[in-house]
C-alpha cells in the first residue's frame, strides 16, 4: 500500500462531495467541510471516476471492508467516527481500512 493511494482516496472523497450534477449516491459535501470546486483538487474527473469505480468494486466484493474504507476517507481519515458509524471497534476498522486501501492500491497498479 502506498501513501499515494491514501492521498488519492482522500482526494476522491472530496471529489465525490462536490456537486457536479451527477448523482453518485454520496453526499455532495461533508457537514464539517465543504470543498470548493473541482479545480481545488489534485485529481481530475477521470481519476475521480476511476477511483469511484474501484471503491464501488470493493464495496461489492466485501461490504464490511468496502464500507469501512469508503467511510474512513469520507470522514477525513477518522477511525473513531468510522468505528462508531459501523458499530465496531477502532482496531477492527483500522484492519478493514488497511485491507481496503491495499486492495484499491492493487487495482490501481493493475
N, C-alpha and C. Protein backbone atom coordinates (compact mmCIF):
# COMPACT_ATOMS: atom_id res chain seq x y z
N UNK A 1 0.86 -1.18 0.00
CA UNK A 1 0.00 0.00 0.00
C UNK A 1 0.89 1.23 0.00
N UNK A 2 0.55 2.18 -0.83
CA UNK A 2 1.39 3.37 -0.93
C UNK A 2 0.69 4.58 -0.32
N UNK A 3 1.48 5.55 0.10
CA UNK A 3 0.94 6.82 0.60
C UNK A 3 0.18 7.53 -0.53
N UNK A 4 0.62 7.30 -1.76
CA UNK A 4 -0.05 7.92 -2.89
C UNK A 4 -1.50 7.46 -2.99
N UNK A 5 -1.75 6.17 -2.74
CA UNK A 5 -3.12 5.66 -2.80
C UNK A 5 -3.96 6.29 -1.71
N UNK A 6 -3.41 6.44 -0.51
CA UNK A 6 -4.14 7.09 0.58
C UNK A 6 -4.48 8.53 0.20
N UNK A 7 -3.53 9.23 -0.39
CA UNK A 7 -3.76 10.61 -0.82
C UNK A 7 -4.84 10.65 -1.90
N UNK A 8 -4.76 9.74 -2.87
CA UNK A 8 -5.74 9.71 -3.95
C UNK A 8 -7.14 9.42 -3.41
N UNK A 9 -7.25 8.53 -2.44
CA UNK A 9 -8.56 8.23 -1.85
C UNK A 9 -9.11 9.42 -1.07
N UNK A 10 -8.25 10.15 -0.40
CA UNK A 10 -8.69 11.37 0.30
C UNK A 10 -9.19 12.40 -0.71
N UNK A 11 -8.48 12.54 -1.83
CA UNK A 11 -8.90 13.45 -2.88
C UNK A 11 -10.20 12.97 -3.52
N UNK A 12 -10.34 11.64 -3.69
CA UNK A 12 -11.57 11.07 -4.24
C UNK A 12 -12.76 11.41 -3.36
N UNK A 13 -12.58 11.33 -2.04
CA UNK A 13 -13.68 11.64 -1.12
C UNK A 13 -14.12 13.09 -1.30
N UNK A 14 -13.17 13.99 -1.41
CA UNK A 14 -13.51 15.39 -1.66
C UNK A 14 -14.19 15.55 -3.03
N UNK A 15 -13.63 14.89 -4.03
CA UNK A 15 -14.17 14.93 -5.38
C UNK A 15 -15.63 14.46 -5.38
N UNK A 16 -15.91 13.40 -4.63
CA UNK A 16 -17.26 12.84 -4.59
C UNK A 16 -18.27 13.77 -3.94
N UNK A 17 -17.79 14.64 -3.06
CA UNK A 17 -18.70 15.54 -2.35
C UNK A 17 -19.01 16.81 -3.12
N UNK A 18 -18.30 17.07 -4.18
CA UNK A 18 -18.55 18.29 -4.96
C UNK A 18 -19.70 18.02 -5.91
N UNK A 19 -20.69 18.85 -5.85
CA UNK A 19 -21.89 18.67 -6.66
C UNK A 19 -21.60 19.03 -8.11
N UNK A 20 -21.58 17.98 -8.93
CA UNK A 20 -21.34 18.20 -10.36
C UNK A 20 -22.58 17.89 -11.18
N UNK A 21 -23.71 17.76 -10.49
CA UNK A 21 -24.94 17.44 -11.20
C UNK A 21 -25.05 15.96 -11.53
N UNK A 22 -24.13 15.16 -10.98
CA UNK A 22 -24.15 13.71 -11.21
C UNK A 22 -24.47 13.05 -9.88
N UNK A 23 -25.57 12.34 -9.80
CA UNK A 23 -25.94 11.66 -8.56
C UNK A 23 -25.19 10.34 -8.47
N UNK A 24 -24.23 10.27 -7.56
CA UNK A 24 -23.44 9.05 -7.38
C UNK A 24 -23.87 8.29 -6.13
N UNK A 25 -24.85 8.81 -5.40
CA UNK A 25 -25.27 8.14 -4.19
C UNK A 25 -24.50 8.57 -2.96
N UNK A 26 -23.62 9.53 -3.08
CA UNK A 26 -22.84 10.03 -1.95
C UNK A 26 -23.27 11.46 -1.65
N UNK A 27 -23.11 11.90 -0.42
CA UNK A 27 -23.45 13.29 -0.11
C UNK A 27 -22.55 14.24 -0.90
N UNK A 28 -23.08 15.40 -1.25
CA UNK A 28 -22.31 16.34 -2.05
C UNK A 28 -21.33 17.15 -1.20
N UNK A 29 -21.45 17.09 0.11
CA UNK A 29 -20.49 17.75 0.98
C UNK A 29 -20.55 17.16 2.38
N UNK A 30 -19.48 17.35 3.09
CA UNK A 30 -19.40 16.91 4.48
C UNK A 30 -20.09 17.94 5.35
N UNK A 31 -20.69 17.54 6.46
CA UNK A 31 -21.29 18.53 7.35
C UNK A 31 -20.22 19.43 7.98
N UNK A 32 -18.97 19.01 7.95
CA UNK A 32 -17.90 19.77 8.59
C UNK A 32 -17.06 20.58 7.62
N UNK A 33 -17.02 20.17 6.40
CA UNK A 33 -16.16 20.85 5.42
C UNK A 33 -16.82 20.80 4.07
N UNK A 34 -16.84 21.92 3.42
CA UNK A 34 -17.42 21.98 2.08
C UNK A 34 -16.30 22.28 1.10
N UNK A 35 -15.95 21.31 0.25
CA UNK A 35 -14.90 21.58 -0.72
C UNK A 35 -15.33 22.68 -1.68
N UNK A 36 -14.35 23.35 -2.25
CA UNK A 36 -14.63 24.44 -3.17
C UNK A 36 -15.11 23.94 -4.51
N UNK A 37 -14.19 23.84 -5.44
CA UNK A 37 -14.53 23.39 -6.79
C UNK A 37 -13.58 22.25 -7.17
N UNK A 38 -13.88 21.63 -8.27
CA UNK A 38 -13.01 20.55 -8.75
C UNK A 38 -11.61 21.08 -9.07
N UNK A 39 -11.51 22.36 -9.38
CA UNK A 39 -10.19 22.95 -9.66
C UNK A 39 -9.29 22.96 -8.43
N UNK A 40 -9.89 22.86 -7.22
CA UNK A 40 -9.13 22.85 -5.98
C UNK A 40 -8.53 21.48 -5.67
N UNK A 41 -8.87 20.48 -6.43
CA UNK A 41 -8.45 19.11 -6.15
C UNK A 41 -7.19 18.74 -6.92
N UNK A 42 -6.52 17.70 -6.42
CA UNK A 42 -5.29 17.21 -7.05
C UNK A 42 -5.57 16.06 -8.01
N UNK A 43 -6.86 15.76 -8.26
CA UNK A 43 -7.21 14.71 -9.21
C UNK A 43 -8.15 15.28 -10.26
N UNK A 44 -8.14 14.65 -11.40
CA UNK A 44 -9.03 15.05 -12.49
C UNK A 44 -10.35 14.29 -12.36
N UNK A 45 -11.35 14.67 -13.13
CA UNK A 45 -12.61 13.94 -13.15
C UNK A 45 -12.40 12.50 -13.58
N UNK A 46 -11.50 12.27 -14.53
CA UNK A 46 -11.23 10.92 -15.00
C UNK A 46 -10.65 10.06 -13.86
N UNK A 47 -9.71 10.64 -13.11
CA UNK A 47 -9.14 9.92 -11.97
C UNK A 47 -10.19 9.69 -10.89
N UNK A 48 -11.04 10.69 -10.68
CA UNK A 48 -12.12 10.54 -9.70
C UNK A 48 -13.05 9.40 -10.07
N UNK A 49 -13.40 9.31 -11.35
CA UNK A 49 -14.27 8.23 -11.81
C UNK A 49 -13.60 6.87 -11.67
N UNK A 50 -12.30 6.80 -11.97
CA UNK A 50 -11.55 5.56 -11.82
C UNK A 50 -11.53 5.11 -10.35
N UNK A 51 -11.27 6.05 -9.45
CA UNK A 51 -11.27 5.72 -8.03
C UNK A 51 -12.67 5.34 -7.55
N UNK A 52 -13.69 6.04 -8.03
CA UNK A 52 -15.07 5.74 -7.67
C UNK A 52 -15.43 4.31 -8.08
N UNK A 53 -15.00 3.94 -9.26
CA UNK A 53 -15.25 2.59 -9.77
C UNK A 53 -14.53 1.54 -8.90
N UNK A 54 -13.28 1.84 -8.51
CA UNK A 54 -12.52 0.90 -7.66
C UNK A 54 -13.18 0.74 -6.29
N UNK A 55 -13.63 1.85 -5.71
CA UNK A 55 -14.29 1.77 -4.39
C UNK A 55 -15.60 1.00 -4.51
N UNK A 56 -16.35 1.24 -5.56
CA UNK A 56 -17.61 0.51 -5.77
C UNK A 56 -17.35 -0.98 -5.91
N UNK A 57 -16.31 -1.35 -6.65
CA UNK A 57 -15.95 -2.77 -6.78
C UNK A 57 -15.62 -3.38 -5.42
N UNK A 58 -14.88 -2.64 -4.62
CA UNK A 58 -14.51 -3.12 -3.29
C UNK A 58 -15.75 -3.31 -2.42
N UNK A 59 -16.65 -2.35 -2.43
CA UNK A 59 -17.88 -2.47 -1.63
C UNK A 59 -18.69 -3.68 -2.09
N UNK A 60 -18.76 -3.90 -3.39
CA UNK A 60 -19.49 -5.06 -3.92
C UNK A 60 -18.79 -6.37 -3.59
N UNK A 61 -17.48 -6.35 -3.52
CA UNK A 61 -16.70 -7.56 -3.25
C UNK A 61 -16.74 -7.94 -1.77
N UNK A 62 -16.57 -6.95 -0.89
CA UNK A 62 -16.58 -7.18 0.56
C UNK A 62 -17.20 -5.97 1.23
N UNK A 63 -18.47 -6.11 1.58
CA UNK A 63 -19.25 -4.98 2.10
C UNK A 63 -18.63 -4.35 3.34
N UNK A 64 -18.14 -5.14 4.29
CA UNK A 64 -17.57 -4.59 5.52
C UNK A 64 -16.30 -3.79 5.24
N UNK A 65 -15.38 -4.40 4.52
CA UNK A 65 -14.11 -3.73 4.21
C UNK A 65 -14.37 -2.53 3.30
N UNK A 66 -15.23 -2.69 2.31
CA UNK A 66 -15.53 -1.60 1.39
C UNK A 66 -16.17 -0.42 2.08
N UNK A 67 -17.17 -0.67 2.90
CA UNK A 67 -17.84 0.43 3.61
C UNK A 67 -16.91 1.11 4.60
N UNK A 68 -16.09 0.33 5.30
CA UNK A 68 -15.14 0.92 6.24
C UNK A 68 -14.16 1.83 5.51
N UNK A 69 -13.67 1.38 4.39
CA UNK A 69 -12.72 2.17 3.60
C UNK A 69 -13.39 3.44 3.07
N UNK A 70 -14.56 3.29 2.52
CA UNK A 70 -15.30 4.44 1.97
C UNK A 70 -15.58 5.47 3.06
N UNK A 71 -16.12 5.02 4.18
CA UNK A 71 -16.46 5.95 5.26
C UNK A 71 -15.22 6.60 5.87
N UNK A 72 -14.16 5.84 6.02
CA UNK A 72 -12.92 6.36 6.60
C UNK A 72 -12.42 7.58 5.81
N UNK A 73 -12.44 7.47 4.51
CA UNK A 73 -11.98 8.59 3.69
C UNK A 73 -13.01 9.71 3.63
N UNK A 74 -14.29 9.36 3.67
CA UNK A 74 -15.31 10.40 3.70
C UNK A 74 -15.28 11.19 5.00
N UNK A 75 -14.95 10.51 6.09
CA UNK A 75 -14.84 11.19 7.39
C UNK A 75 -13.45 11.75 7.60
N UNK A 76 -12.74 11.97 6.53
CA UNK A 76 -11.42 12.59 6.53
C UNK A 76 -10.45 11.83 7.43
N UNK A 77 -10.44 10.51 7.26
CA UNK A 77 -9.50 9.61 7.91
C UNK A 77 -9.64 9.62 9.42
N UNK A 78 -10.87 9.48 9.90
CA UNK A 78 -11.16 9.47 11.33
C UNK A 78 -11.64 8.07 11.73
N UNK A 79 -10.77 7.32 12.39
CA UNK A 79 -11.10 5.94 12.79
C UNK A 79 -12.24 5.89 13.79
N UNK A 80 -12.25 6.80 14.75
CA UNK A 80 -13.28 6.77 15.79
C UNK A 80 -14.67 6.98 15.21
N UNK A 81 -14.80 7.96 14.36
CA UNK A 81 -16.11 8.23 13.76
C UNK A 81 -16.56 7.09 12.86
N UNK A 82 -15.62 6.53 12.10
CA UNK A 82 -15.94 5.41 11.23
C UNK A 82 -16.37 4.20 12.06
N UNK A 83 -15.64 3.92 13.14
CA UNK A 83 -15.99 2.79 14.01
C UNK A 83 -17.36 2.98 14.64
N UNK A 84 -17.66 4.20 15.05
CA UNK A 84 -18.96 4.49 15.64
C UNK A 84 -20.08 4.25 14.63
N UNK A 85 -19.87 4.72 13.41
CA UNK A 85 -20.88 4.56 12.36
C UNK A 85 -21.11 3.08 12.03
N UNK A 86 -20.03 2.30 12.04
CA UNK A 86 -20.13 0.88 11.71
C UNK A 86 -20.41 -0.01 12.92
N UNK A 87 -20.49 0.63 14.10
CA UNK A 87 -20.77 -0.08 15.36
C UNK A 87 -19.77 -1.20 15.60
N UNK A 88 -18.50 -0.85 15.51
CA UNK A 88 -17.43 -1.81 15.76
C UNK A 88 -16.26 -1.06 16.42
N UNK A 89 -15.17 -1.75 16.65
CA UNK A 89 -14.02 -1.14 17.32
C UNK A 89 -13.11 -0.40 16.35
N UNK A 90 -12.32 0.52 16.90
CA UNK A 90 -11.35 1.24 16.08
C UNK A 90 -10.33 0.27 15.48
N UNK A 91 -9.93 -0.73 16.27
CA UNK A 91 -8.95 -1.71 15.78
C UNK A 91 -9.47 -2.48 14.58
N UNK A 92 -10.73 -2.87 14.65
CA UNK A 92 -11.34 -3.58 13.53
C UNK A 92 -11.40 -2.69 12.30
N UNK A 93 -11.81 -1.44 12.50
CA UNK A 93 -11.87 -0.50 11.38
C UNK A 93 -10.48 -0.29 10.79
N UNK A 94 -9.47 -0.17 11.63
CA UNK A 94 -8.10 0.02 11.15
C UNK A 94 -7.70 -1.14 10.24
N UNK A 95 -8.02 -2.37 10.66
CA UNK A 95 -7.69 -3.55 9.84
C UNK A 95 -8.45 -3.53 8.51
N UNK A 96 -9.73 -3.23 8.58
CA UNK A 96 -10.55 -3.20 7.37
C UNK A 96 -10.07 -2.13 6.41
N UNK A 97 -9.75 -0.95 6.93
CA UNK A 97 -9.31 0.15 6.07
C UNK A 97 -7.94 -0.16 5.45
N UNK A 98 -7.06 -0.75 6.24
CA UNK A 98 -5.75 -1.14 5.70
C UNK A 98 -5.92 -2.14 4.56
N UNK A 99 -6.79 -3.13 4.78
CA UNK A 99 -7.05 -4.13 3.74
C UNK A 99 -7.70 -3.49 2.52
N UNK A 100 -8.67 -2.62 2.74
CA UNK A 100 -9.36 -1.98 1.63
C UNK A 100 -8.46 -1.06 0.82
N UNK A 101 -7.64 -0.29 1.52
CA UNK A 101 -6.73 0.62 0.82
C UNK A 101 -5.69 -0.18 0.02
N UNK A 102 -5.21 -1.28 0.59
CA UNK A 102 -4.26 -2.13 -0.12
C UNK A 102 -4.92 -2.76 -1.35
N UNK A 103 -6.18 -3.16 -1.21
CA UNK A 103 -6.89 -3.75 -2.34
C UNK A 103 -7.03 -2.74 -3.46
N UNK A 104 -7.43 -1.52 -3.12
CA UNK A 104 -7.57 -0.46 -4.12
C UNK A 104 -6.22 -0.14 -4.74
N UNK A 105 -5.17 -0.14 -3.94
CA UNK A 105 -3.82 0.08 -4.44
C UNK A 105 -3.49 -0.96 -5.52
N UNK A 106 -3.85 -2.21 -5.26
CA UNK A 106 -3.63 -3.28 -6.24
C UNK A 106 -4.42 -3.07 -7.51
N UNK A 107 -5.66 -2.62 -7.37
CA UNK A 107 -6.50 -2.35 -8.54
C UNK A 107 -5.88 -1.23 -9.38
N UNK A 108 -5.42 -0.18 -8.71
CA UNK A 108 -4.84 0.96 -9.42
C UNK A 108 -3.54 0.61 -10.12
N UNK A 109 -2.77 -0.27 -9.48
CA UNK A 109 -1.50 -0.67 -10.08
C UNK A 109 -1.67 -1.70 -11.19
N UNK A 110 -2.86 -2.30 -11.23
CA UNK A 110 -3.17 -3.24 -12.29
C UNK A 110 -2.64 -4.59 -11.99
